[in-house]
């Protein structure tokens, strides 16, 4: 989930983009960075899969 009503609680698997970081502890900031890195990897994997699907579709149309 990207947004949560309790935006002061970093525990859980969401990030609030633009959140005020000044109230977060060092541990919470480390956790936030890890969540960002994990989400980036997940997004990159999804993007890669979409590129593979597009390449397959283009190859199919070239074959026709």
PDB file of N, CA and C in Angstrom:
ATOM      1  N   UNK A   1       0.855  -1.174   0.000  1.00  0.00           N
ATOM      2  CA  UNK A   1       0.000   0.000   0.000  1.00  0.00           C
ATOM      3  C   UNK A   1       0.897   1.232   0.000  1.00  0.00           C
ATOM      4  N   UNK A   2       0.627   2.161  -0.857  1.00  0.00           N
ATOM      5  CA  UNK A   2       1.467   3.345  -0.965  1.00  0.00           C
ATOM      6  C   UNK A   2       1.165   4.358   0.123  1.00  0.00           C
ATOM      7  N   UNK A   3      -0.089   4.536   0.468  1.00  0.00           N
ATOM      8  CA  UNK A   3      -0.471   5.534   1.453  1.00  0.00           C
ATOM      9  C   UNK A   3      -1.174   4.874   2.620  1.00  0.00           C
ATOM     10  N   UNK A   4      -1.060   5.492   3.779  1.00  0.00           N
ATOM     11  CA  UNK A   4      -1.685   4.976   4.976  1.00  0.00           C
ATOM     12  C   UNK A   4      -2.136   6.165   5.802  1.00  0.00           C
ATOM     13  N   UNK A   5      -3.282   6.052   6.474  1.00  0.00           N
ATOM     14  CA  UNK A   5      -3.781   7.156   7.286  1.00  0.00           C
ATOM     15  C   UNK A   5      -2.807   7.533   8.390  1.00  0.00           C
ATOM     16  N   UNK A   6      -2.085   6.554   8.942  1.00  0.00           N
ATOM     17  CA  UNK A   6      -1.130   6.815  10.007  1.00  0.00           C
ATOM     18  C   UNK A   6       0.239   7.034   9.384  1.00  0.00           C
ATOM     19  N   UNK A   7       0.484   8.236   8.843  1.00  0.00           N
ATOM     20  CA  UNK A   7       1.713   8.490   8.107  1.00  0.00           C
ATOM     21  C   UNK A   7       2.931   8.681   9.002  1.00  0.00           C
ATOM     22  N   UNK A   8       2.762   8.643  10.320  1.00  0.00           N
ATOM     23  CA  UNK A   8       3.906   8.748  11.214  1.00  0.00           C
ATOM     24  C   UNK A   8       4.495   7.380  11.527  1.00  0.00           C
ATOM     25  N   UNK A   9       3.813   6.320  11.167  1.00  0.00           N
ATOM     26  CA  UNK A   9       4.272   4.961  11.449  1.00  0.00           C
ATOM     27  C   UNK A   9       4.909   4.380  10.202  1.00  0.00           C
ATOM     28  N   UNK A  10       6.214   4.150  10.241  1.00  0.00           N
ATOM     29  CA  UNK A  10       6.907   3.590   9.094  1.00  0.00           C
ATOM     30  C   UNK A  10       6.809   2.074   9.074  1.00  0.00           C
ATOM     31  N   UNK A  11       6.454   1.478  10.210  1.00  0.00           N
ATOM     32  CA  UNK A  11       6.388   0.021  10.281  1.00  0.00           C
ATOM     33  C   UNK A  11       5.215  -0.467   9.446  1.00  0.00           C
ATOM     34  N   UNK A  12       5.491  -1.367   8.558  1.00  0.00           N
ATOM     35  CA  UNK A  12       4.525  -1.834   7.580  1.00  0.00           C
ATOM     36  C   UNK A  12       5.169  -1.677   6.217  1.00  0.00           C
ATOM     37  N   UNK A  13       4.511  -2.160   5.211  1.00  0.00           N
ATOM     38  CA  UNK A  13       5.139  -2.160   3.896  1.00  0.00           C
ATOM     39  C   UNK A  13       4.556  -1.064   3.013  1.00  0.00           C
ATOM     40  N   UNK A  14       4.736   0.167   3.401  1.00  0.00           N
ATOM     41  CA  UNK A  14       4.305   1.281   2.577  1.00  0.00           C
ATOM     42  C   UNK A  14       5.301   2.422   2.727  1.00  0.00           C
ATOM     43  N   UNK A  15       5.268   3.301   1.763  1.00  0.00           N
ATOM     44  CA  UNK A  15       6.066   4.524   1.804  1.00  0.00           C
ATOM     45  C   UNK A  15       5.149   5.681   1.481  1.00  0.00           C
ATOM     46  N   UNK A  16       5.327   6.766   2.174  1.00  0.00           N
ATOM     47  CA  UNK A  16       4.574   7.963   1.868  1.00  0.00           C
ATOM     48  C   UNK A  16       5.544   8.929   1.204  1.00  0.00           C
ATOM     49  N   UNK A  17       5.391   9.108  -0.087  1.00  0.00           N
ATOM     50  CA  UNK A  17       6.270   9.978  -0.844  1.00  0.00           C
ATOM     51  C   UNK A  17       6.078  11.413  -0.357  1.00  0.00           C
ATOM     52  N   UNK A  18       7.177  12.097  -0.096  1.00  0.00           N
ATOM     53  CA  UNK A  18       7.107  13.478   0.365  1.00  0.00           C
ATOM     54  C   UNK A  18       6.891  13.616   1.866  1.00  0.00           C
ATOM     55  N   UNK A  19       6.895  12.500   2.567  1.00  0.00           N
ATOM     56  CA  UNK A  19       6.693  12.509   4.013  1.00  0.00           C
ATOM     57  C   UNK A  19       7.796  13.312   4.696  1.00  0.00           C
ATOM     58  N   UNK A  20       7.443  14.045   5.751  1.00  0.00           N
ATOM     59  CA  UNK A  20       8.428  14.757   6.557  1.00  0.00           C
ATOM     60  C   UNK A  20       9.290  13.715   7.272  1.00  0.00           C
ATOM     61  N   UNK A  21      10.578  13.727   6.988  1.00  0.00           N
ATOM     62  CA  UNK A  21      11.488  12.722   7.537  1.00  0.00           C
ATOM     63  C   UNK A  21      12.120  13.137   8.857  1.00  0.00           C
ATOM     64  N   UNK A  22      11.922  14.373   9.261  1.00  0.00           N
ATOM     65  CA  UNK A  22      12.616  14.889  10.440  1.00  0.00           C
ATOM     66  C   UNK A  22      12.232  14.175  11.733  1.00  0.00           C
ATOM     67  N   UNK A  23      11.047  13.594  11.801  1.00  0.00           N
ATOM     68  CA  UNK A  23      10.611  12.909  13.018  1.00  0.00           C
ATOM     69  C   UNK A  23      11.001  11.436  13.059  1.00  0.00           C
ATOM     70  N   UNK A  24      11.604  10.922  11.985  1.00  0.00           N
ATOM     71  CA  UNK A  24      11.971   9.508  11.943  1.00  0.00           C
ATOM     72  C   UNK A  24      13.328   9.277  12.601  1.00  0.00           C
ATOM     73  N   UNK A  25      13.443   8.160  13.276  1.00  0.00           N
ATOM     74  CA  UNK A  25      14.710   7.789  13.900  1.00  0.00           C
ATOM     75  C   UNK A  25      15.661   7.267  12.830  1.00  0.00           C
ATOM     76  N   UNK A  26      16.916   7.099  13.209  1.00  0.00           N
ATOM     77  CA  UNK A  26      17.905   6.556  12.278  1.00  0.00           C
ATOM     78  C   UNK A  26      17.484   5.156  11.826  1.00  0.00           C
ATOM     79  N   UNK A  27      16.978   4.331  12.739  1.00  0.00           N
ATOM     80  CA  UNK A  27      16.525   2.989  12.369  1.00  0.00           C
ATOM     81  C   UNK A  27      15.363   3.057  11.386  1.00  0.00           C
ATOM     82  N   UNK A  28      14.442   3.976  11.611  1.00  0.00           N
ATOM     83  CA  UNK A  28      13.310   4.113  10.694  1.00  0.00           C
ATOM     84  C   UNK A  28      13.772   4.606   9.325  1.00  0.00           C
ATOM     85  N   UNK A  29      14.768   5.473   9.301  1.00  0.00           N
ATOM     86  CA  UNK A  29      15.306   5.948   8.022  1.00  0.00           C
ATOM     87  C   UNK A  29      15.998   4.816   7.273  1.00  0.00           C
ATOM     88  N   UNK A  30      16.736   3.970   7.988  1.00  0.00           N
ATOM     89  CA  UNK A  30      17.363   2.805   7.357  1.00  0.00           C
ATOM     90  C   UNK A  30      16.286   1.873   6.788  1.00  0.00           C
ATOM     91  N   UNK A  31      15.222   1.662   7.563  1.00  0.00           N
ATOM     92  CA  UNK A  31      14.125   0.806   7.105  1.00  0.00           C
ATOM     93  C   UNK A  31      13.465   1.421   5.860  1.00  0.00           C
ATOM     94  N   UNK A  32      13.279   2.730   5.863  1.00  0.00           N
ATOM     95  CA  UNK A  32      12.677   3.426   4.721  1.00  0.00           C
ATOM     96  C   UNK A  32      13.544   3.263   3.471  1.00  0.00           C
ATOM     97  N   UNK A  33      14.855   3.398   3.639  1.00  0.00           N
ATOM     98  CA  UNK A  33      15.774   3.224   2.512  1.00  0.00           C
ATOM     99  C   UNK A  33      15.668   1.810   1.967  1.00  0.00           C
ATOM    100  N   UNK A  34      15.610   0.817   2.843  1.00  0.00           N
ATOM    101  CA  UNK A  34      15.479  -0.575   2.404  1.00  0.00           C
ATOM    102  C   UNK A  34      14.166  -0.790   1.655  1.00  0.00           C
ATOM    103  N   UNK A  35      13.088  -0.207   2.167  1.00  0.00           N
ATOM    104  CA  UNK A  35      11.797  -0.322   1.481  1.00  0.00           C
ATOM    105  C   UNK A  35      11.868   0.315   0.093  1.00  0.00           C
ATOM    106  N   UNK A  36      12.534   1.467  -0.010  1.00  0.00           N
ATOM    107  CA  UNK A  36      12.688   2.130  -1.313  1.00  0.00           C
ATOM    108  C   UNK A  36      13.485   1.254  -2.269  1.00  0.00           C
ATOM    109  N   UNK A  37      14.578   0.679  -1.788  1.00  0.00           N
ATOM    110  CA  UNK A  37      15.404  -0.184  -2.639  1.00  0.00           C
ATOM    111  C   UNK A  37      14.623  -1.415  -3.083  1.00  0.00           C
ATOM    112  N   UNK A  38      13.863  -2.013  -2.174  1.00  0.00           N
ATOM    113  CA  UNK A  38      13.054  -3.181  -2.517  1.00  0.00           C
ATOM    114  C   UNK A  38      11.999  -2.820  -3.561  1.00  0.00           C
ATOM    115  N   UNK A  39      11.375  -1.667  -3.399  1.00  0.00           N
ATOM    116  CA  UNK A  39      10.346  -1.244  -4.348  1.00  0.00           C
ATOM    117  C   UNK A  39      10.955  -0.925  -5.706  1.00  0.00           C
ATOM    118  N   UNK A  40      12.148  -0.364  -5.722  1.00  0.00           N
ATOM    119  CA  UNK A  40      12.833  -0.092  -6.988  1.00  0.00           C
ATOM    120  C   UNK A  40      13.118  -1.405  -7.720  1.00  0.00           C
ATOM    121  N   UNK A  41      13.602  -2.406  -7.004  1.00  0.00           N
ATOM    122  CA  UNK A  41      13.879  -3.710  -7.618  1.00  0.00           C
ATOM    123  C   UNK A  41      12.601  -4.323  -8.171  1.00  0.00           C
ATOM    124  N   UNK A  42      11.516  -4.228  -7.406  1.00  0.00           N
ATOM    125  CA  UNK A  42      10.233  -4.778  -7.839  1.00  0.00           C
ATOM    126  C   UNK A  42       9.748  -4.065  -9.098  1.00  0.00           C
ATOM    127  N   UNK A  43       9.893  -2.759  -9.122  1.00  0.00           N
ATOM    128  CA  UNK A  43       9.476  -1.972 -10.290  1.00  0.00           C
ATOM    129  C   UNK A  43      10.335  -2.295 -11.507  1.00  0.00           C
ATOM    130  N   UNK A  44      11.636  -2.460 -11.294  1.00  0.00           N
ATOM    131  CA  UNK A  44      12.536  -2.802 -12.399  1.00  0.00           C
ATOM    132  C   UNK A  44      12.204  -4.170 -12.969  1.00  0.00           C
ATOM    133  N   UNK A  45      11.870  -5.123 -12.107  1.00  0.00           N
ATOM    134  CA  UNK A  45      11.492  -6.463 -12.578  1.00  0.00           C
ATOM    135  C   UNK A  45      10.206  -6.388 -13.400  1.00  0.00           C
ATOM    136  N   UNK A  46       9.256  -5.618 -12.945  1.00  0.00           N
ATOM    137  CA  UNK A  46       7.996  -5.471 -13.685  1.00  0.00           C
ATOM    138  C   UNK A  46       8.243  -4.804 -15.031  1.00  0.00           C
ATOM    139  N   UNK A  47       9.067  -3.788 -15.043  1.00  0.00           N
ATOM    140  CA  UNK A  47       9.395  -3.090 -16.285  1.00  0.00           C
ATOM    141  C   UNK A  47      10.102  -4.022 -17.263  1.00  0.00           C
ATOM    142  N   UNK A  48      10.995  -4.817 -16.756  1.00  0.00           N
ATOM    143  CA  UNK A  48      11.704  -5.777 -17.591  1.00  0.00           C
ATOM    144  C   UNK A  48      10.729  -6.769 -18.214  1.00  0.00           C
ATOM    145  N   UNK A  49       9.787  -7.238 -17.432  1.00  0.00           N
ATOM    146  CA  UNK A  49       8.781  -8.167 -17.935  1.00  0.00           C
ATOM    147  C   UNK A  49       7.925  -7.534 -19.017  1.00  0.00           C
ATOM    148  N   UNK A  50       7.610  -6.263 -18.861  1.00  0.00           N
ATOM    149  CA  UNK A  50       6.816  -5.574 -19.874  1.00  0.00           C
ATOM    150  C   UNK A  50       7.618  -5.425 -21.161  1.00  0.00           C
ATOM    151  N   UNK A  51       8.909  -5.179 -21.038  1.00  0.00           N
ATOM    152  CA  UNK A  51       9.756  -5.086 -22.218  1.00  0.00           C
ATOM    153  C   UNK A  51       9.825  -6.413 -22.948  1.00  0.00           C
ATOM    154  N   UNK A  52       9.895  -7.511 -22.196  1.00  0.00           N
ATOM    155  CA  UNK A  52       9.911  -8.845 -22.798  1.00  0.00           C
ATOM    156  C   UNK A  52       8.609  -9.114 -23.536  1.00  0.00           C
ATOM    157  N   UNK A  53       7.490  -8.712 -22.951  1.00  0.00           N
ATOM    158  CA  UNK A  53       6.188  -8.913 -23.590  1.00  0.00           C
ATOM    159  C   UNK A  53       6.083  -8.093 -24.868  1.00  0.00           C
ATOM    160  N   UNK A  54       6.572  -6.875 -24.818  1.00  0.00           N
ATOM    161  CA  UNK A  54       6.517  -6.022 -26.008  1.00  0.00           C
ATOM    162  C   UNK A  54       7.383  -6.599 -27.131  1.00  0.00           C
ATOM    163  N   UNK A  55       8.588  -7.061 -26.771  1.00  0.00           N
ATOM    164  CA  UNK A  55       9.481  -7.644 -27.775  1.00  0.00           C
ATOM    165  C   UNK A  55       8.831  -8.875 -28.416  1.00  0.00           C
ATOM    166  N   UNK A  56       8.153  -9.685 -27.624  1.00  0.00           N
ATOM    167  CA  UNK A  56       7.481 -10.872 -28.158  1.00  0.00           C
ATOM    168  C   UNK A  56       6.348 -10.466 -29.092  1.00  0.00           C
ATOM    169  N   UNK A  57       5.593  -9.445 -28.723  1.00  0.00           N
ATOM    170  CA  UNK A  57       4.498  -8.982 -29.576  1.00  0.00           C
ATOM    171  C   UNK A  57       5.034  -8.412 -30.881  1.00  0.00           C
ATOM    172  N   UNK A  58       6.101  -7.628 -30.798  1.00  0.00           N
ATOM    173  CA  UNK A  58       6.695  -7.064 -32.012  1.00  0.00           C
ATOM    174  C   UNK A  58       7.218  -8.170 -32.930  1.00  0.00           C
ATOM    175  N   UNK A  59       7.818  -9.188 -32.360  1.00  0.00           N
ATOM    176  CA  UNK A  59       8.324 -10.301 -33.155  1.00  0.00           C
ATOM    177  C   UNK A  59       7.170 -11.033 -33.833  1.00  0.00           C
ATOM    178  N   UNK A  60       6.058 -11.173 -33.137  1.00  0.00           N
ATOM    179  CA  UNK A  60       4.883 -11.835 -33.700  1.00  0.00           C
ATOM    180  C   UNK A  60       4.364 -11.056 -34.909  1.00  0.00           C
ATOM    181  N   UNK A  61       4.263  -9.738 -34.763  1.00  0.00           N
ATOM    182  CA  UNK A  61       3.751  -8.929 -35.871  1.00  0.00           C
ATOM    183  C   UNK A  61       4.714  -8.870 -37.046  1.00  0.00           C
ATOM    184  N   UNK A  62       6.002  -8.945 -36.767  1.00  0.00           N
ATOM    185  CA  UNK A  62       6.989  -8.988 -37.857  1.00  0.00           C
ATOM    186  C   UNK A  62       6.881 -10.283 -38.640  1.00  0.00           C
ATOM    187  N   UNK A  63       6.489 -11.348 -37.958  1.00  0.00           N
ATOM    188  CA  UNK A  63       6.400 -12.668 -38.592  1.00  0.00           C
ATOM    189  C   UNK A  63       5.177 -12.778 -39.508  1.00  0.00           C
ATOM    190  N   UNK A  64       4.213 -11.911 -39.294  1.00  0.00           N
ATOM    191  CA  UNK A  64       2.955 -11.990 -40.089  1.00  0.00           C
ATOM    192  C   UNK A  64       3.158 -11.364 -41.444  1.00  0.00           C
TER     193      UNK A  64
END
